[in-house]
Amino acid sequence: MNSATFVENFSRGTLKDGQSSASLSHEIHEDGTRILINYGTPIAFILFDGTAAVTDEKYSVTTSKHVNRVRSCFEWTARVQMTAKEIDQAYGVHLYGRMGNRAREDSLWTLQAIDLSA
């Protein structure tokens, strides 16, 4: 599966835990949170409650292409920007702790509620 299809399937929730494609991999946590990882760096996640988030950090050209693909999969209307630490505090999911040292607690993310039933 190519990276464009991989990102689309991540956005739809049709990937299996641990599935990967080239530089991209995918994790599913016990509460249903799904994380998209590029070369060990989390670039997007979908929380159990239907909140999608994409990193706002600047990365390489290829990683930025993957981030933009995720962005294009969702309708970003009423979005909010938060740090990884603020996400942990607001959602109580310990996202930063799960990502370990791969995501700085001050890294910025854009969040948007999405419809998981679509």
C-alpha atoms as a PDB file:
ATOM      1  CA  MET A   1       0.000   0.000   0.000  1.00  0.00           C
ATOM      2  CA  ASN A   2       1.430   3.404  -0.922  1.00  0.00           C
ATOM      3  CA  SER A   3       1.720   6.243   1.601  1.00  0.00           C
ATOM      4  CA  ALA A   4      -1.267   8.198   0.216  1.00  0.00           C
ATOM      5  CA  THR A   5      -3.560   5.175   0.617  1.00  0.00           C
ATOM      6  CA  PHE A   6      -2.080   4.447   4.045  1.00  0.00           C
ATOM      7  CA  VAL A   7      -2.911   7.971   5.262  1.00  0.00           C
ATOM      8  CA  GLU A   8      -6.445   7.780   3.835  1.00  0.00           C
ATOM      9  CA  ASN A   9      -7.020   4.431   5.561  1.00  0.00           C
ATOM     10  CA  PHE A  10      -5.686   5.871   8.845  1.00  0.00           C
ATOM     11  CA  SER A  11      -8.175   8.727   8.550  1.00  0.00           C
ATOM     12  CA  ARG A  12     -11.029   6.270   7.955  1.00  0.00           C
ATOM     13  CA  GLY A  13      -9.944   4.016  10.822  1.00  0.00           C
ATOM     14  CA  THR A  14      -9.460   0.968   8.610  1.00  0.00           C
ATOM     15  CA  LEU A  15      -5.839   0.161   9.520  1.00  0.00           C
ATOM     16  CA  LYS A  16      -4.934  -2.670  11.867  1.00  0.00           C
ATOM     17  CA  ASP A  17      -2.719  -2.058  14.910  1.00  0.00           C
ATOM     18  CA  GLY A  18       0.958  -2.106  13.967  1.00  0.00           C
ATOM     19  CA  GLN A  19       0.284  -1.902  10.230  1.00  0.00           C
ATOM     20  CA  SER A  20       2.978   0.015   8.358  1.00  0.00           C
ATOM     21  CA  SER A  21       3.950   1.246   4.916  1.00  0.00           C
ATOM     22  CA  ALA A  22       7.461   2.484   4.106  1.00  0.00           C
ATOM     23  CA  SER A  23       8.170   5.253   6.668  1.00  0.00           C
ATOM     24  CA  LEU A  24       4.637   5.297   8.109  1.00  0.00           C
ATOM     25  CA  SER A  25       3.297   3.160  10.939  1.00  0.00           C
ATOM     26  CA  HIS A  26       0.118   3.057  12.982  1.00  0.00           C
ATOM     27  CA  GLU A  27      -0.682   2.317  16.627  1.00  0.00           C
ATOM     28  CA  ILE A  28      -4.021   1.651  18.303  1.00  0.00           C
ATOM     29  CA  HIS A  29      -4.165   2.067  22.080  1.00  0.00           C
ATOM     30  CA  GLU A  30      -6.502   0.356  24.543  1.00  0.00           C
ATOM     31  CA  ASP A  31      -8.946   3.281  24.637  1.00  0.00           C
ATOM     32  CA  GLY A  32      -9.180   3.348  20.829  1.00  0.00           C
ATOM     33  CA  THR A  33      -6.809   6.260  20.249  1.00  0.00           C
ATOM     34  CA  ARG A  34      -5.074   5.825  16.881  1.00  0.00           C
ATOM     35  CA  ILE A  35      -1.672   7.404  16.207  1.00  0.00           C
ATOM     36  CA  LEU A  36       0.003   7.884  12.815  1.00  0.00           C
ATOM     37  CA  ILE A  37       3.792   7.818  13.035  1.00  0.00           C
ATOM     38  CA  ASN A  38       6.369   8.804  10.436  1.00  0.00           C
ATOM     39  CA  TYR A  39       9.943   7.640  11.088  1.00  0.00           C
ATOM     40  CA  GLY A  40       9.206   7.372  14.818  1.00  0.00           C
ATOM     41  CA  THR A  41       7.567  10.810  15.083  1.00  0.00           C
ATOM     42  CA  PRO A  42       3.822  11.093  15.789  1.00  0.00           C
ATOM     43  CA  ILE A  43       2.269  13.328  13.127  1.00  0.00           C
ATOM     44  CA  ALA A  44      -1.471  12.742  13.664  1.00  0.00           C
ATOM     45  CA  PHE A  45      -3.884  11.017  15.994  1.00  0.00           C
ATOM     46  CA  ILE A  46      -7.568  10.331  16.384  1.00  0.00           C
ATOM     47  CA  LEU A  47      -8.811  10.164  19.981  1.00  0.00           C
ATOM     48  CA  PHE A  48     -11.480   7.741  21.183  1.00  0.00           C
ATOM     49  CA  ASP A  49     -14.057  10.578  21.260  1.00  0.00           C
ATOM     50  CA  GLY A  50     -13.681  11.509  17.596  1.00  0.00           C
ATOM     51  CA  THR A  51     -11.178  14.328  17.965  1.00  0.00           C
ATOM     52  CA  ALA A  52      -8.603  14.352  15.194  1.00  0.00           C
ATOM     53  CA  ALA A  53      -5.299  16.154  15.578  1.00  0.00           C
ATOM     54  CA  VAL A  54      -2.433  16.922  13.233  1.00  0.00           C
ATOM     55  CA  THR A  55       0.944  18.266  14.218  1.00  0.00           C
ATOM     56  CA  ASP A  56       1.723  21.894  13.433  1.00  0.00           C
ATOM     57  CA  GLU A  57       5.462  21.337  13.822  1.00  0.00           C
ATOM     58  CA  LYS A  58       7.699  21.792  10.783  1.00  0.00           C
ATOM     59  CA  TYR A  59       9.383  18.662   9.448  1.00  0.00           C
ATOM     60  CA  SER A  60      11.030  17.427   6.260  1.00  0.00           C
ATOM     61  CA  VAL A  61       9.370  17.750   2.871  1.00  0.00           C
ATOM     62  CA  THR A  62       8.212  14.124   2.931  1.00  0.00           C
ATOM     63  CA  THR A  63       6.812  14.278   6.469  1.00  0.00           C
ATOM     64  CA  SER A  64       5.074  17.554   5.653  1.00  0.00           C
ATOM     65  CA  LYS A  65       3.494  15.857   2.639  1.00  0.00           C
ATOM     66  CA  HIS A  66       2.073  13.133   4.925  1.00  0.00           C
ATOM     67  CA  VAL A  67       0.785  15.763   7.389  1.00  0.00           C
ATOM     68  CA  ASN A  68      -0.923  17.651   4.557  1.00  0.00           C
ATOM     69  CA  ARG A  69      -2.511  14.402   3.321  1.00  0.00           C
ATOM     70  CA  VAL A  70      -4.024  13.849   6.757  1.00  0.00           C
ATOM     71  CA  ARG A  71      -5.271  17.441   6.830  1.00  0.00           C
ATOM     72  CA  SER A  72      -6.952  16.953   3.447  1.00  0.00           C
ATOM     73  CA  CYS A  73      -8.879  13.918   4.745  1.00  0.00           C
ATOM     74  CA  PHE A  74     -10.876  15.984   7.237  1.00  0.00           C
ATOM     75  CA  GLU A  75     -13.054  19.067   7.015  1.00  0.00           C
ATOM     76  CA  TRP A  76     -11.201  21.514   9.283  1.00  0.00           C
ATOM     77  CA  THR A  77     -13.829  24.044  10.358  1.00  0.00           C
ATOM     78  CA  ALA A  78     -14.008  24.675  14.111  1.00  0.00           C
ATOM     79  CA  ARG A  79     -10.453  23.858  14.991  1.00  0.00           C
ATOM     80  CA  VAL A  80      -8.351  24.692  18.032  1.00  0.00           C
ATOM     81  CA  GLN A  81      -4.589  24.642  18.565  1.00  0.00           C
ATOM     82  CA  MET A  82      -3.130  23.015  21.701  1.00  0.00           C
ATOM     83  CA  THR A  83       0.221  21.741  22.941  1.00  0.00           C
ATOM     84  CA  ALA A  84       0.753  18.040  23.631  1.00  0.00           C
ATOM     85  CA  LYS A  85       0.766  18.832  27.369  1.00  0.00           C
ATOM     86  CA  GLU A  86      -2.558  20.720  27.106  1.00  0.00           C
ATOM     87  CA  ILE A  87      -4.059  17.773  25.224  1.00  0.00           C
ATOM     88  CA  ASP A  88      -3.011  15.477  28.078  1.00  0.00           C
ATOM     89  CA  GLN A  89      -4.611  17.794  30.634  1.00  0.00           C
ATOM     90  CA  ALA A  90      -7.827  18.398  28.670  1.00  0.00           C
ATOM     91  CA  TYR A  91      -8.509  14.815  27.577  1.00  0.00           C
ATOM     92  CA  GLY A  92      -6.876  12.846  30.378  1.00  0.00           C
ATOM     93  CA  VAL A  93      -5.419  10.354  27.923  1.00  0.00           C
ATOM     94  CA  HIS A  94      -1.743  10.917  28.737  1.00  0.00           C
ATOM     95  CA  LEU A  95      -0.947  11.259  25.068  1.00  0.00           C
ATOM     96  CA  TYR A  96       2.421  12.866  25.630  1.00  0.00           C
ATOM     97  CA  GLY A  97       3.385  10.107  28.045  1.00  0.00           C
ATOM     98  CA  ARG A  98       2.362   7.442  25.532  1.00  0.00           C
ATOM     99  CA  MET A  99       4.445   9.010  22.821  1.00  0.00           C
ATOM    100  CA  GLY A 100       7.424   9.051  25.149  1.00  0.00           C
ATOM    101  CA  ASN A 101      10.229  11.240  23.952  1.00  0.00           C
ATOM    102  CA  ARG A 102       8.953  11.210  20.390  1.00  0.00           C
ATOM    103  CA  ALA A 103       6.769  14.299  20.888  1.00  0.00           C
ATOM    104  CA  ARG A 104       7.770  17.331  22.920  1.00  0.00           C
ATOM    105  CA  GLU A 105       5.182  18.439  25.460  1.00  0.00           C
ATOM    106  CA  ASP A 106       5.249  21.934  23.917  1.00  0.00           C
ATOM    107  CA  SER A 107       4.718  20.681  20.350  1.00  0.00           C
ATOM    108  CA  LEU A 108       1.685  22.311  18.710  1.00  0.00           C
ATOM    109  CA  TRP A 109      -1.268  20.363  17.314  1.00  0.00           C
ATOM    110  CA  THR A 110      -4.450  21.423  15.525  1.00  0.00           C
ATOM    111  CA  LEU A 111      -7.528  19.585  16.828  1.00  0.00           C
ATOM    112  CA  GLN A 112     -10.905  19.122  15.138  1.00  0.00           C
ATOM    113  CA  ALA A 113     -13.957  17.043  16.066  1.00  0.00           C
ATOM    114  CA  ILE A 114     -14.748  14.502  13.353  1.00  0.00           C
ATOM    115  CA  ASP A 115     -17.604  12.110  12.655  1.00  0.00           C
ATOM    116  CA  LEU A 116     -16.326   8.587  13.312  1.00  0.00           C
ATOM    117  CA  SER A 117     -19.454   7.001  11.860  1.00  0.00           C
ATOM    118  CA  ALA A 118     -18.760   8.252   8.325  1.00  0.00           C
END
